[in-house]
Amino acid sequence: MTEIKIDPKLNAPITKALEPHADELLAASLGTRVIALVELSVVEHAERGDSDDEVAHVVKIRPVLMEIATGDDEHHLRRAQRALWSKRTAEGTITGDADRAQAEGDIRYAAGLIGGDDQ
């Protein structure tokens, strides 16, 4: 089994991207969610053996770029997130092929809206 760990270090580009939202996040109620587009980097591979028979693989990832969606982009990014989830979980379902096709269309549509391209 592979265990995933997230390195909590925030680099300068992420800190800079979060700064404009700091006051809003401070004023938000605990549990408030924001949606962001995040790029991750694999920073470490390791093996951990709890016993001779069981070796666990560990991969550590670190966020390297992040942008918080605001305004209409928030809605479009959530739509893309739902589409990615649908695409990932469609395998083995009765409507899997149709779900995957719809998800792929939604992803392209949302990407065009976020990027400002006309569809």
PDB file of N, CA and C in Angstrom:
ATOM      1  N   MET A   1       0.844  -1.183   0.000  1.00  0.00           N
ATOM      2  CA  MET A   1       0.000   0.000   0.000  1.00  0.00           C
ATOM      3  C   MET A   1       0.887   1.243   0.000  1.00  0.00           C
ATOM      4  N   THR A   2       0.505   2.225  -0.778  1.00  0.00           N
ATOM      5  CA  THR A   2       1.258   3.476  -0.832  1.00  0.00           C
ATOM      6  C   THR A   2       0.555   4.530  -0.001  1.00  0.00           C
ATOM      7  N   GLU A   3       1.298   5.128   0.892  1.00  0.00           N
ATOM      8  CA  GLU A   3       0.786   6.198   1.751  1.00  0.00           C
ATOM      9  C   GLU A   3       1.198   7.540   1.146  1.00  0.00           C
ATOM     10  N   ILE A   4       0.287   8.485   1.150  1.00  0.00           N
ATOM     11  CA  ILE A   4       0.583   9.819   0.634  1.00  0.00           C
ATOM     12  C   ILE A   4       0.671  10.796   1.803  1.00  0.00           C
ATOM     13  N   LYS A   5       1.732  11.569   1.807  1.00  0.00           N
ATOM     14  CA  LYS A   5       1.896  12.617   2.814  1.00  0.00           C
ATOM     15  C   LYS A   5       2.032  13.952   2.096  1.00  0.00           C
ATOM     16  N   ILE A   6       1.487  14.986   2.698  1.00  0.00           N
ATOM     17  CA  ILE A   6       1.577  16.324   2.121  1.00  0.00           C
ATOM     18  C   ILE A   6       2.570  17.145   2.935  1.00  0.00           C
ATOM     19  N   ASP A   7       3.563  17.673   2.244  1.00  0.00           N
ATOM     20  CA  ASP A   7       4.541  18.549   2.866  1.00  0.00           C
ATOM     21  C   ASP A   7       3.861  19.896   3.109  1.00  0.00           C
ATOM     22  N   PRO A   8       3.818  20.363   4.356  1.00  0.00           N
ATOM     23  CA  PRO A   8       3.077  21.598   4.648  1.00  0.00           C
ATOM     24  C   PRO A   8       3.813  22.895   4.312  1.00  0.00           C
ATOM     25  N   LYS A   9       5.047  22.806   3.832  1.00  0.00           N
ATOM     26  CA  LYS A   9       5.800  24.025   3.530  1.00  0.00           C
ATOM     27  C   LYS A   9       5.154  24.764   2.365  1.00  0.00           C
ATOM     28  N   LEU A  10       4.911  26.051   2.566  1.00  0.00           N
ATOM     29  CA  LEU A  10       4.377  26.887   1.493  1.00  0.00           C
ATOM     30  C   LEU A  10       5.522  27.701   0.906  1.00  0.00           C
ATOM     31  N   ASN A  11       5.695  27.590  -0.399  1.00  0.00           N
ATOM     32  CA  ASN A  11       6.766  28.332  -1.043  1.00  0.00           C
ATOM     33  C   ASN A  11       6.330  29.771  -1.328  1.00  0.00           C
ATOM     34  N   ALA A  12       7.251  30.572  -1.818  1.00  0.00           N
ATOM     35  CA  ALA A  12       6.974  31.992  -2.056  1.00  0.00           C
ATOM     36  C   ALA A  12       5.837  32.233  -3.055  1.00  0.00           C
ATOM     37  N   PRO A  13       5.763  31.495  -4.186  1.00  0.00           N
ATOM     38  CA  PRO A  13       4.648  31.744  -5.106  1.00  0.00           C
ATOM     39  C   PRO A  13       3.270  31.474  -4.485  1.00  0.00           C
ATOM     40  N   ILE A  14       3.171  30.461  -3.650  1.00  0.00           N
ATOM     41  CA  ILE A  14       1.884  30.185  -3.006  1.00  0.00           C
ATOM     42  C   ILE A  14       1.565  31.264  -1.983  1.00  0.00           C
ATOM     43  N   THR A  15       2.539  31.638  -1.193  1.00  0.00           N
ATOM     44  CA  THR A  15       2.323  32.697  -0.207  1.00  0.00           C
ATOM     45  C   THR A  15       1.869  33.984  -0.896  1.00  0.00           C
ATOM     46  N   LYS A  16       2.508  34.316  -2.000  1.00  0.00           N
ATOM     47  CA  LYS A  16       2.147  35.525  -2.741  1.00  0.00           C
ATOM     48  C   LYS A  16       0.725  35.416  -3.309  1.00  0.00           C
ATOM     49  N   ALA A  17       0.344  34.241  -3.771  1.00  0.00           N
ATOM     50  CA  ALA A  17      -1.004  34.040  -4.312  1.00  0.00           C
ATOM     51  C   ALA A  17      -2.070  34.108  -3.224  1.00  0.00           C
ATOM     52  N   LEU A  18      -1.720  33.725  -2.004  1.00  0.00           N
ATOM     53  CA  LEU A  18      -2.680  33.739  -0.896  1.00  0.00           C
ATOM     54  C   LEU A  18      -2.821  35.105  -0.237  1.00  0.00           C
ATOM     55  N   GLU A  19      -1.796  35.939  -0.323  1.00  0.00           N
ATOM     56  CA  GLU A  19      -1.812  37.242   0.358  1.00  0.00           C
ATOM     57  C   GLU A  19      -3.048  38.089   0.055  1.00  0.00           C
ATOM     58  N   PRO A  20      -3.505  38.199  -1.196  1.00  0.00           N
ATOM     59  CA  PRO A  20      -4.683  39.035  -1.457  1.00  0.00           C
ATOM     60  C   PRO A  20      -5.962  38.513  -0.783  1.00  0.00           C
ATOM     61  N   HIS A  21      -5.950  37.266  -0.357  1.00  0.00           N
ATOM     62  CA  HIS A  21      -7.131  36.655   0.247  1.00  0.00           C
ATOM     63  C   HIS A  21      -7.038  36.550   1.774  1.00  0.00           C
ATOM     64  N   ALA A  22      -5.931  37.001   2.344  1.00  0.00           N
ATOM     65  CA  ALA A  22      -5.671  36.805   3.770  1.00  0.00           C
ATOM     66  C   ALA A  22      -6.750  37.419   4.661  1.00  0.00           C
ATOM     67  N   ASP A  23      -7.136  38.665   4.408  1.00  0.00           N
ATOM     68  CA  ASP A  23      -8.142  39.320   5.250  1.00  0.00           C
ATOM     69  C   ASP A  23      -9.495  38.630   5.129  1.00  0.00           C
ATOM     70  N   GLU A  24      -9.850  38.235   3.926  1.00  0.00           N
ATOM     71  CA  GLU A  24     -11.112  37.528   3.702  1.00  0.00           C
ATOM     72  C   GLU A  24     -11.118  36.181   4.432  1.00  0.00           C
ATOM     73  N   LEU A  25      -9.997  35.473   4.389  1.00  0.00           N
ATOM     74  CA  LEU A  25      -9.909  34.181   5.081  1.00  0.00           C
ATOM     75  C   LEU A  25      -9.961  34.361   6.594  1.00  0.00           C
ATOM     76  N   LEU A  26      -9.344  35.418   7.090  1.00  0.00           N
ATOM     77  CA  LEU A  26      -9.378  35.698   8.520  1.00  0.00           C
ATOM     78  C   LEU A  26     -10.792  36.008   8.977  1.00  0.00           C
ATOM     79  N   ALA A  27     -11.545  36.730   8.175  1.00  0.00           N
ATOM     80  CA  ALA A  27     -12.917  37.111   8.531  1.00  0.00           C
ATOM     81  C   ALA A  27     -13.912  35.969   8.341  1.00  0.00           C
ATOM     82  N   ALA A  28     -13.538  34.951   7.607  1.00  0.00           N
ATOM     83  CA  ALA A  28     -14.454  33.847   7.315  1.00  0.00           C
ATOM     84  C   ALA A  28     -14.698  33.000   8.556  1.00  0.00           C
ATOM     85  N   SER A  29     -15.875  32.432   8.624  1.00  0.00           N
ATOM     86  CA  SER A  29     -16.199  31.517   9.718  1.00  0.00           C
ATOM     87  C   SER A  29     -15.349  30.266   9.587  1.00  0.00           C
ATOM     88  N   LEU A  30     -15.034  29.660  10.732  1.00  0.00           N
ATOM     89  CA  LEU A  30     -14.304  28.395  10.700  1.00  0.00           C
ATOM     90  C   LEU A  30     -15.126  27.393   9.904  1.00  0.00           C
ATOM     91  N   GLY A  31     -14.469  26.632   9.069  1.00  0.00           N
ATOM     92  CA  GLY A  31     -15.151  25.662   8.235  1.00  0.00           C
ATOM     93  C   GLY A  31     -15.525  26.185   6.860  1.00  0.00           C
ATOM     94  N   THR A  32     -15.348  27.497   6.641  1.00  0.00           N
ATOM     95  CA  THR A  32     -15.609  28.071   5.328  1.00  0.00           C
ATOM     96  C   THR A  32     -14.651  27.445   4.324  1.00  0.00           C
ATOM     97  N   ARG A  33     -15.176  27.110   3.163  1.00  0.00           N
ATOM     98  CA  ARG A  33     -14.350  26.497   2.134  1.00  0.00           C
ATOM     99  C   ARG A  33     -14.127  27.471   0.984  1.00  0.00           C
ATOM    100  N   VAL A  34     -12.939  27.403   0.426  1.00  0.00           N
ATOM    101  CA  VAL A  34     -12.631  28.117  -0.799  1.00  0.00           C
ATOM    102  C   VAL A  34     -12.114  27.066  -1.773  1.00  0.00           C
ATOM    103  N   ILE A  35     -12.288  27.331  -3.046  1.00  0.00           N
ATOM    104  CA  ILE A  35     -11.804  26.376  -4.041  1.00  0.00           C
ATOM    105  C   ILE A  35     -10.612  26.998  -4.747  1.00  0.00           C
ATOM    106  N   ALA A  36      -9.610  26.165  -4.978  1.00  0.00           N
ATOM    107  CA  ALA A  36      -8.380  26.651  -5.592  1.00  0.00           C
ATOM    108  C   ALA A  36      -7.884  25.634  -6.614  1.00  0.00           C
ATOM    109  N   LEU A  37      -7.136  26.124  -7.542  1.00  0.00           N
ATOM    110  CA  LEU A  37      -6.440  25.273  -8.484  1.00  0.00           C
ATOM    111  C   LEU A  37      -5.028  25.111  -7.935  1.00  0.00           C
ATOM    112  N   VAL A  38      -4.608  23.860  -7.759  1.00  0.00           N
ATOM    113  CA  VAL A  38      -3.337  23.580  -7.094  1.00  0.00           C
ATOM    114  C   VAL A  38      -2.479  22.680  -7.974  1.00  0.00           C
ATOM    115  N   GLU A  39      -1.200  22.999  -8.061  1.00  0.00           N
ATOM    116  CA  GLU A  39      -0.241  22.118  -8.725  1.00  0.00           C
ATOM    117  C   GLU A  39       0.640  21.513  -7.642  1.00  0.00           C
ATOM    118  N   LEU A  40       0.828  20.197  -7.721  1.00  0.00           N
ATOM    119  CA  LEU A  40       1.601  19.465  -6.726  1.00  0.00           C
ATOM    120  C   LEU A  40       2.881  18.927  -7.343  1.00  0.00           C
ATOM    121  N   SER A  41       3.916  18.811  -6.511  1.00  0.00           N
ATOM    122  CA  SER A  41       5.189  18.244  -6.930  1.00  0.00           C
ATOM    123  C   SER A  41       5.514  17.061  -6.026  1.00  0.00           C
ATOM    124  N   VAL A  42       5.995  15.979  -6.615  1.00  0.00           N
ATOM    125  CA  VAL A  42       6.454  14.841  -5.825  1.00  0.00           C
ATOM    126  C   VAL A  42       7.845  15.186  -5.324  1.00  0.00           C
ATOM    127  N   VAL A  43       8.007  15.202  -3.985  1.00  0.00           N
ATOM    128  CA  VAL A  43       9.292  15.632  -3.417  1.00  0.00           C
ATOM    129  C   VAL A  43      10.049  14.521  -2.704  1.00  0.00           C
ATOM    130  N   GLU A  44       9.404  13.381  -2.480  1.00  0.00           N
ATOM    131  CA  GLU A  44      10.107  12.311  -1.767  1.00  0.00           C
ATOM    132  C   GLU A  44       9.411  10.974  -1.997  1.00  0.00           C
ATOM    133  N   HIS A  45      10.226   9.937  -2.187  1.00  0.00           N
ATOM    134  CA  HIS A  45       9.763   8.551  -2.197  1.00  0.00           C
ATOM    135  C   HIS A  45      10.485   7.839  -1.054  1.00  0.00           C
ATOM    136  N   ALA A  46       9.785   6.975  -0.355  1.00  0.00           N
ATOM    137  CA  ALA A  46      10.421   6.239   0.729  1.00  0.00           C
ATOM    138  C   ALA A  46       9.721   4.901   0.908  1.00  0.00           C
ATOM    139  N   GLU A  47      10.400   4.003   1.587  1.00  0.00           N
ATOM    140  CA  GLU A  47       9.800   2.730   1.983  1.00  0.00           C
ATOM    141  C   GLU A  47       9.896   2.624   3.490  1.00  0.00           C
ATOM    142  N   ARG A  48       8.824   2.153   4.077  1.00  0.00           N
ATOM    143  CA  ARG A  48       8.791   1.990   5.524  1.00  0.00           C
ATOM    144  C   ARG A  48       8.316   0.577   5.792  1.00  0.00           C
ATOM    145  N   GLY A  49       9.099  -0.179   6.505  1.00  0.00           N
ATOM    146  CA  GLY A  49       8.711  -1.549   6.822  1.00  0.00           C
ATOM    147  C   GLY A  49       8.300  -1.673   8.268  1.00  0.00           C
ATOM    148  N   ASP A  50       7.021  -2.006   8.490  1.00  0.00           N
ATOM    149  CA  ASP A  50       6.561  -2.241   9.856  1.00  0.00           C
ATOM    150  C   ASP A  50       6.985  -3.629  10.325  1.00  0.00           C
ATOM    151  N   SER A  51       7.156  -4.532   9.373  1.00  0.00           N
ATOM    152  CA  SER A  51       7.651  -5.877   9.670  1.00  0.00           C
ATOM    153  C   SER A  51       8.352  -6.376   8.416  1.00  0.00           C
ATOM    154  N   ASP A  52       8.983  -7.535   8.513  1.00  0.00           N
ATOM    155  CA  ASP A  52       9.678  -8.085   7.354  1.00  0.00           C
ATOM    156  C   ASP A  52       8.725  -8.426   6.222  1.00  0.00           C
ATOM    157  N   ASP A  53       7.488  -8.738   6.561  1.00  0.00           N
ATOM    158  CA  ASP A  53       6.501  -9.144   5.554  1.00  0.00           C
ATOM    159  C   ASP A  53       5.789  -7.963   4.911  1.00  0.00           C
ATOM    160  N   GLU A  54       5.784  -6.834   5.568  1.00  0.00           N
ATOM    161  CA  GLU A  54       4.989  -5.705   5.084  1.00  0.00           C
ATOM    162  C   GLU A  54       5.870  -4.483   4.860  1.00  0.00           C
ATOM    163  N   VAL A  55       5.963  -4.054   3.604  1.00  0.00           N
ATOM    164  CA  VAL A  55       6.700  -2.849   3.277  1.00  0.00           C
ATOM    165  C   VAL A  55       5.698  -1.840   2.737  1.00  0.00           C
ATOM    166  N   ALA A  56       5.661  -0.690   3.366  1.00  0.00           N
ATOM    167  CA  ALA A  56       4.758   0.365   2.918  1.00  0.00           C
ATOM    168  C   ALA A  56       5.566   1.387   2.134  1.00  0.00           C
ATOM    169  N   HIS A  57       5.030   1.788   1.017  1.00  0.00           N
ATOM    170  CA  HIS A  57       5.663   2.834   0.229  1.00  0.00           C
ATOM    171  C   HIS A  57       5.055   4.169   0.638  1.00  0.00           C
ATOM    172  N   VAL A  58       5.900   5.180   0.688  1.00  0.00           N
ATOM    173  CA  VAL A  58       5.459   6.520   1.073  1.00  0.00           C
ATOM    174  C   VAL A  58       5.877   7.486  -0.032  1.00  0.00           C
ATOM    175  N   VAL A  59       4.936   8.327  -0.432  1.00  0.00           N
ATOM    176  CA  VAL A  59       5.250   9.395  -1.378  1.00  0.00           C
ATOM    177  C   VAL A  59       4.840  10.711  -0.726  1.00  0.00           C
ATOM    178  N   LYS A  60       5.746  11.676  -0.757  1.00  0.00           N
ATOM    179  CA  LYS A  60       5.444  12.990  -0.183  1.00  0.00           C
ATOM    180  C   LYS A  60       5.265  13.969  -1.330  1.00  0.00           C
ATOM    181  N   ILE A  61       4.166  14.722  -1.257  1.00  0.00           N
ATOM    182  CA  ILE A  61       3.888  15.732  -2.270  1.00  0.00           C
ATOM    183  C   ILE A  61       3.872  17.105  -1.605  1.00  0.00           C
ATOM    184  N   ARG A  62       4.165  18.118  -2.421  1.00  0.00           N
ATOM    185  CA  ARG A  62       4.198  19.491  -1.907  1.00  0.00           C
ATOM    186  C   ARG A  62       3.464  20.395  -2.904  1.00  0.00           C
ATOM    187  N   PRO A  63       2.570  21.250  -2.383  1.00  0.00           N
ATOM    188  CA  PRO A  63       1.955  22.228  -3.283  1.00  0.00           C
ATOM    189  C   PRO A  63       3.016  23.220  -3.759  1.00  0.00           C
ATOM    190  N   VAL A  64       3.048  23.475  -5.077  1.00  0.00           N
ATOM    191  CA  VAL A  64       4.042  24.404  -5.618  1.00  0.00           C
ATOM    192  C   VAL A  64       3.401  25.642  -6.244  1.00  0.00           C
ATOM    193  N   LEU A  65       2.182  25.511  -6.725  1.00  0.00           N
ATOM    194  CA  LEU A  65       1.443  26.655  -7.261  1.00  0.00           C
ATOM    195  C   LEU A  65      -0.003  26.554  -6.804  1.00  0.00           C
ATOM    196  N   MET A  66      -0.628  27.690  -6.529  1.00  0.00           N
ATOM    197  CA  MET A  66      -2.016  27.692  -6.097  1.00  0.00           C
ATOM    198  C   MET A  66      -2.650  29.021  -6.441  1.00  0.00           C
ATOM    199  N   GLU A  67      -3.870  28.941  -6.938  1.00  0.00           N
ATOM    200  CA  GLU A  67      -4.660  30.143  -7.174  1.00  0.00           C
ATOM    201  C   GLU A  67      -6.063  29.900  -6.639  1.00  0.00           C
ATOM    202  N   ILE A  68      -6.550  30.806  -5.814  1.00  0.00           N
ATOM    203  CA  ILE A  68      -7.912  30.716  -5.283  1.00  0.00           C
ATOM    204  C   ILE A  68      -8.863  31.300  -6.316  1.00  0.00           C
ATOM    205  N   ALA A  69      -9.925  30.552  -6.597  1.00  0.00           N
ATOM    206  CA  ALA A  69     -10.929  31.025  -7.555  1.00  0.00           C
ATOM    207  C   ALA A  69     -11.869  32.008  -6.858  1.00  0.00           C
ATOM    208  N   THR A  70     -12.254  33.046  -7.579  1.00  0.00           N
ATOM    209  CA  THR A  70     -13.194  34.035  -7.063  1.00  0.00           C
ATOM    210  C   THR A  70     -14.255  34.304  -8.122  1.00  0.00           C
ATOM    211  N   GLY A  71     -15.354  34.894  -7.712  1.00  0.00           N
ATOM    212  CA  GLY A  71     -16.406  35.277  -8.647  1.00  0.00           C
ATOM    213  C   GLY A  71     -16.928  34.083  -9.433  1.00  0.00           C
ATOM    214  N   ASP A  72     -17.191  34.291 -10.711  1.00  0.00           N
ATOM    215  CA  ASP A  72     -17.702  33.225 -11.573  1.00  0.00           C
ATOM    216  C   ASP A  72     -16.720  32.066 -11.700  1.00  0.00           C
ATOM    217  N   ASP A  73     -15.425  32.355 -11.592  1.00  0.00           N
ATOM    218  CA  ASP A  73     -14.430  31.291 -11.705  1.00  0.00           C
ATOM    219  C   ASP A  73     -14.621  30.225 -10.627  1.00  0.00           C
ATOM    220  N   GLU A  74     -15.118  30.626  -9.454  1.00  0.00           N
ATOM    221  CA  GLU A  74     -15.360  29.665  -8.383  1.00  0.00           C
ATOM    222  C   GLU A  74     -16.369  28.608  -8.842  1.00  0.00           C
ATOM    223  N   HIS A  75     -17.461  29.062  -9.446  1.00  0.00           N
ATOM    224  CA  HIS A  75     -18.482  28.135  -9.945  1.00  0.00           C
ATOM    225  C   HIS A  75     -17.898  27.226 -11.031  1.00  0.00           C
ATOM    226  N   HIS A  76     -17.137  27.793 -11.960  1.00  0.00           N
ATOM    227  CA  HIS A  76     -16.581  27.011 -13.059  1.00  0.00           C
ATOM    228  C   HIS A  76     -15.575  25.982 -12.558  1.00  0.00           C
ATOM    229  N   LEU A  77     -14.769  26.375 -11.571  1.00  0.00           N
ATOM    230  CA  LEU A  77     -13.777  25.447 -11.035  1.00  0.00           C
ATOM    231  C   LEU A  77     -14.460  24.315 -10.267  1.00  0.00           C
ATOM    232  N   ARG A  78     -15.536  24.622  -9.540  1.00  0.00           N
ATOM    233  CA  ARG A  78     -16.292  23.561  -8.860  1.00  0.00           C
ATOM    234  C   ARG A  78     -16.896  22.592  -9.866  1.00  0.00           C
ATOM    235  N   ARG A  79     -17.368  23.134 -10.996  1.00  0.00           N
ATOM    236  CA  ARG A  79     -17.921  22.268 -12.040  1.00  0.00           C
ATOM    237  C   ARG A  79     -16.826  21.346 -12.579  1.00  0.00           C
ATOM    238  N   ALA A  80     -15.651  21.889 -12.811  1.00  0.00           N
ATOM    239  CA  ALA A  80     -14.530  21.077 -13.282  1.00  0.00           C
ATOM    240  C   ALA A  80     -14.140  20.036 -12.235  1.00  0.00           C
ATOM    241  N   GLN A  81     -14.167  20.413 -10.961  1.00  0.00           N
ATOM    242  CA  GLN A  81     -13.835  19.480  -9.888  1.00  0.00           C
ATOM    243  C   GLN A  81     -14.836  18.319  -9.865  1.00  0.00           C
ATOM    244  N   ARG A  82     -16.130  18.639  -9.970  1.00  0.00           N
ATOM    245  CA  ARG A  82     -17.150  17.578 -10.005  1.00  0.00           C
ATOM    246  C   ARG A  82     -16.951  16.673 -11.219  1.00  0.00           C
ATOM    247  N   ALA A  83     -16.592  17.275 -12.353  1.00  0.00           N
ATOM    248  CA  ALA A  83     -16.369  16.481 -13.562  1.00  0.00           C
ATOM    249  C   ALA A  83     -15.168  15.551 -13.398  1.00  0.00           C
ATOM    250  N   LEU A  84     -14.095  16.040 -12.807  1.00  0.00           N
ATOM    251  CA  LEU A  84     -12.933  15.181 -12.563  1.00  0.00           C
ATOM    252  C   LEU A  84     -13.286  14.033 -11.618  1.00  0.00           C
ATOM    253  N   TRP A  85     -14.092  14.318 -10.595  1.00  0.00           N
ATOM    254  CA  TRP A  85     -14.538  13.281  -9.671  1.00  0.00           C
ATOM    255  C   TRP A  85     -15.379  12.245 -10.415  1.00  0.00           C
ATOM    256  N   SER A  86     -16.308  12.713 -11.247  1.00  0.00           N
ATOM    257  CA  SER A  86     -17.156  11.798 -12.011  1.00  0.00           C
ATOM    258  C   SER A  86     -16.319  10.914 -12.921  1.00  0.00           C
ATOM    259  N   LYS A  87     -15.340  11.510 -13.572  1.00  0.00           N
ATOM    260  CA  LYS A  87     -14.468  10.754 -14.478  1.00  0.00           C
ATOM    261  C   LYS A  87     -13.686   9.686 -13.699  1.00  0.00           C
ATOM    262  N   ARG A  88     -13.197  10.050 -12.513  1.00  0.00           N
ATOM    263  CA  ARG A  88     -12.405   9.115 -11.705  1.00  0.00           C
ATOM    264  C   ARG A  88     -13.253   7.969 -11.165  1.00  0.00           C
ATOM    265  N   THR A  89     -14.514   8.241 -10.817  1.00  0.00           N
ATOM    266  CA  THR A  89     -15.342   7.235 -10.148  1.00  0.00           C
ATOM    267  C   THR A  89     -16.298   6.511 -11.088  1.00  0.00           C
ATOM    268  N   ALA A  90     -16.290   6.820 -12.376  1.00  0.00           N
ATOM    269  CA  ALA A  90     -17.244   6.232 -13.327  1.00  0.00           C
ATOM    270  C   ALA A  90     -16.937   4.778 -13.650  1.00  0.00           C
ATOM    271  N   GLU A  91     -15.703   4.359 -13.512  1.00  0.00           N
ATOM    272  CA  GLU A  91     -15.306   3.003 -13.883  1.00  0.00           C
ATOM    273  C   GLU A  91     -16.127   1.956 -13.137  1.00  0.00           C
ATOM    274  N   GLY A  92     -16.669   1.014 -13.899  1.00  0.00           N
ATOM    275  CA  GLY A  92     -17.409  -0.094 -13.296  1.00  0.00           C
ATOM    276  C   GLY A  92     -18.863   0.198 -12.990  1.00  0.00           C
ATOM    277  N   THR A  93     -19.351   1.373 -13.361  1.00  0.00           N
ATOM    278  CA  THR A  93     -20.757   1.682 -13.127  1.00  0.00           C
ATOM    279  C   THR A  93     -21.551   1.421 -14.400  1.00  0.00           C
ATOM    280  N   ILE A  94     -22.843   1.281 -14.260  1.00  0.00           N
ATOM    281  CA  ILE A  94     -23.707   1.013 -15.413  1.00  0.00           C
ATOM    282  C   ILE A  94     -23.600   2.129 -16.441  1.00  0.00           C
ATOM    283  N   THR A  95     -23.506   3.356 -15.981  1.00  0.00           N
ATOM    284  CA  THR A  95     -23.471   4.514 -16.890  1.00  0.00           C
ATOM    285  C   THR A  95     -22.054   5.063 -17.042  1.00  0.00           C
ATOM    286  N   GLY A  96     -21.061   4.243 -16.766  1.00  0.00           N
ATOM    287  CA  GLY A  96     -19.673   4.708 -16.754  1.00  0.00           C
ATOM    288  C   GLY A  96     -19.217   5.410 -18.006  1.00  0.00           C
ATOM    289  N   ASP A  97     -19.484   4.825 -19.189  1.00  0.00           N
ATOM    290  CA  ASP A  97     -19.028   5.447 -20.442  1.00  0.00           C
ATOM    291  C   ASP A  97     -19.682   6.809 -20.654  1.00  0.00           C
ATOM    292  N   ALA A  98     -20.982   6.880 -20.414  1.00  0.00           N
ATOM    293  CA  ALA A  98     -21.699   8.155 -20.571  1.00  0.00           C
ATOM    294  C   ALA A  98     -21.218   9.173 -19.549  1.00  0.00           C
ATOM    295  N   ASP A  99     -20.994   8.722 -18.305  1.00  0.00           N
ATOM    296  CA  ASP A  99     -20.506   9.630 -17.263  1.00  0.00           C
ATOM    297  C   ASP A  99     -19.134  10.181 -17.618  1.00  0.00           C
ATOM    298  N   ARG A 100     -18.254   9.310 -18.118  1.00  0.00           N
ATOM    299  CA  ARG A 100     -16.915   9.751 -18.507  1.00  0.00           C
ATOM    300  C   ARG A 100     -16.983  10.754 -19.651  1.00  0.00           C
ATOM    301  N   ALA A 101     -17.811  10.489 -20.642  1.00  0.00           N
ATOM    302  CA  ALA A 101     -17.935  11.405 -21.790  1.00  0.00           C
ATOM    303  C   ALA A 101     -18.478  12.763 -21.349  1.00  0.00           C
ATOM    304  N   GLN A 102     -19.488  12.745 -20.481  1.00  0.00           N
ATOM    305  CA  GLN A 102     -20.049  14.007 -19.975  1.00  0.00           C
ATOM    306  C   GLN A 102     -18.998  14.759 -19.161  1.00  0.00           C
ATOM    307  N   ALA A 103     -18.251  14.039 -18.333  1.00  0.00           N
ATOM    308  CA  ALA A 103     -17.222  14.659 -17.506  1.00  0.00           C
ATOM    309  C   ALA A 103     -16.147  15.304 -18.372  1.00  0.00           C
ATOM    310  N   GLU A 104     -15.716  14.619 -19.422  1.00  0.00           N
ATOM    311  CA  GLU A 104     -14.691  15.180 -20.292  1.00  0.00           C
ATOM    312  C   GLU A 104     -15.183  16.458 -20.980  1.00  0.00           C
ATOM    313  N   GLY A 105     -16.453  16.465 -21.387  1.00  0.00           N
ATOM    314  CA  GLY A 105     -17.037  17.675 -21.973  1.00  0.00           C
ATOM    315  C   GLY A 105     -17.103  18.805 -20.966  1.00  0.00           C
ATOM    316  N   ASP A 106     -17.500  18.485 -19.732  1.00  0.00           N
ATOM    317  CA  ASP A 106     -17.584  19.504 -18.678  1.00  0.00           C
ATOM    318  C   ASP A 106     -16.216  20.087 -18.350  1.00  0.00           C
ATOM    319  N   ILE A 107     -15.200  19.244 -18.340  1.00  0.00           N
ATOM    320  CA  ILE A 107     -13.845  19.715 -18.043  1.00  0.00           C
ATOM    321  C   ILE A 107     -13.386  20.700 -19.121  1.00  0.00           C
ATOM    322  N   ARG A 108     -13.589  20.346 -20.386  1.00  0.00           N
ATOM    323  CA  ARG A 108     -13.202  21.245 -21.486  1.00  0.00           C
ATOM    324  C   ARG A 108     -13.991  22.553 -21.425  1.00  0.00           C
ATOM    325  N   TYR A 109     -15.287  22.455 -21.136  1.00  0.00           N
ATOM    326  CA  TYR A 109     -16.135  23.643 -21.054  1.00  0.00           C
ATOM    327  C   TYR A 109     -15.672  24.563 -19.922  1.00  0.00           C
ATOM    328  N   ALA A 110     -15.452  23.997 -18.735  1.00  0.00           N
ATOM    329  CA  ALA A 110     -15.038  24.797 -17.585  1.00  0.00           C
ATOM    330  C   ALA A 110     -13.669  25.419 -17.821  1.00  0.00           C
ATOM    331  N   ALA A 111     -12.759  24.666 -18.421  1.00  0.00           N
ATOM    332  CA  ALA A 111     -11.440  25.213 -18.704  1.00  0.00           C
ATOM    333  C   ALA A 111     -11.530  26.406 -19.642  1.00  0.00           C
ATOM    334  N   GLY A 112     -12.417  26.332 -20.617  1.00  0.00           N
ATOM    335  CA  GLY A 112     -12.608  27.451 -21.536  1.00  0.00           C
ATOM    336  C   GLY A 112     -13.168  28.668 -20.833  1.00  0.00           C
ATOM    337  N   LEU A 113     -14.096  28.452 -19.905  1.00  0.00           N
ATOM    338  CA  LEU A 113     -14.684  29.575 -19.180  1.00  0.00           C
ATOM    339  C   LEU A 113     -13.677  30.243 -18.240  1.00  0.00           C
ATOM    340  N   ILE A 114     -12.905  29.418 -17.556  1.00  0.00           N
ATOM    341  CA  ILE A 114     -11.906  29.958 -16.633  1.00  0.00           C
ATOM    342  C   ILE A 114     -10.833  30.695 -17.408  1.00  0.00           C
ATOM    343  N   GLY A 115     -10.430  30.134 -18.525  1.00  0.00           N
ATOM    344  CA  GLY A 115      -9.387  30.748 -19.348  1.00  0.00           C
ATOM    345  C   GLY A 115      -9.883  31.925 -20.161  1.00  0.00           C
ATOM    346  N   GLY A 116     -11.214  32.109 -20.220  1.00  0.00           N
ATOM    347  CA  GLY A 116     -11.765  33.220 -20.954  1.00  0.00           C
ATOM    348  C   GLY A 116     -11.897  32.943 -22.439  1.00  0.00           C
ATOM    349  N   ASP A 117     -11.642  31.688 -22.854  1.00  0.00           N
ATOM    350  CA  ASP A 117     -11.782  31.345 -24.268  1.00  0.00           C
ATOM    351  C   ASP A 117     -13.246  31.131 -24.603  1.00  0.00           C
ATOM    352  N   ASP A 118     -13.636  31.483 -25.792  1.00  0.00           N
ATOM    353  CA  ASP A 118     -15.002  31.225 -26.250  1.00  0.00           C
ATOM    354  C   ASP A 118     -15.094  29.790 -26.695  1.00  0.00           C
ATOM    355  N   GLN A 119     -16.191  29.165 -26.370  1.00  0.00           N
ATOM    356  CA  GLN A 119     -16.418  27.772 -26.765  1.00  0.00           C
ATOM    357  C   GLN A 119     -17.164  27.715 -28.058  1.00  0.00           C
TER     358      GLN A 119
END
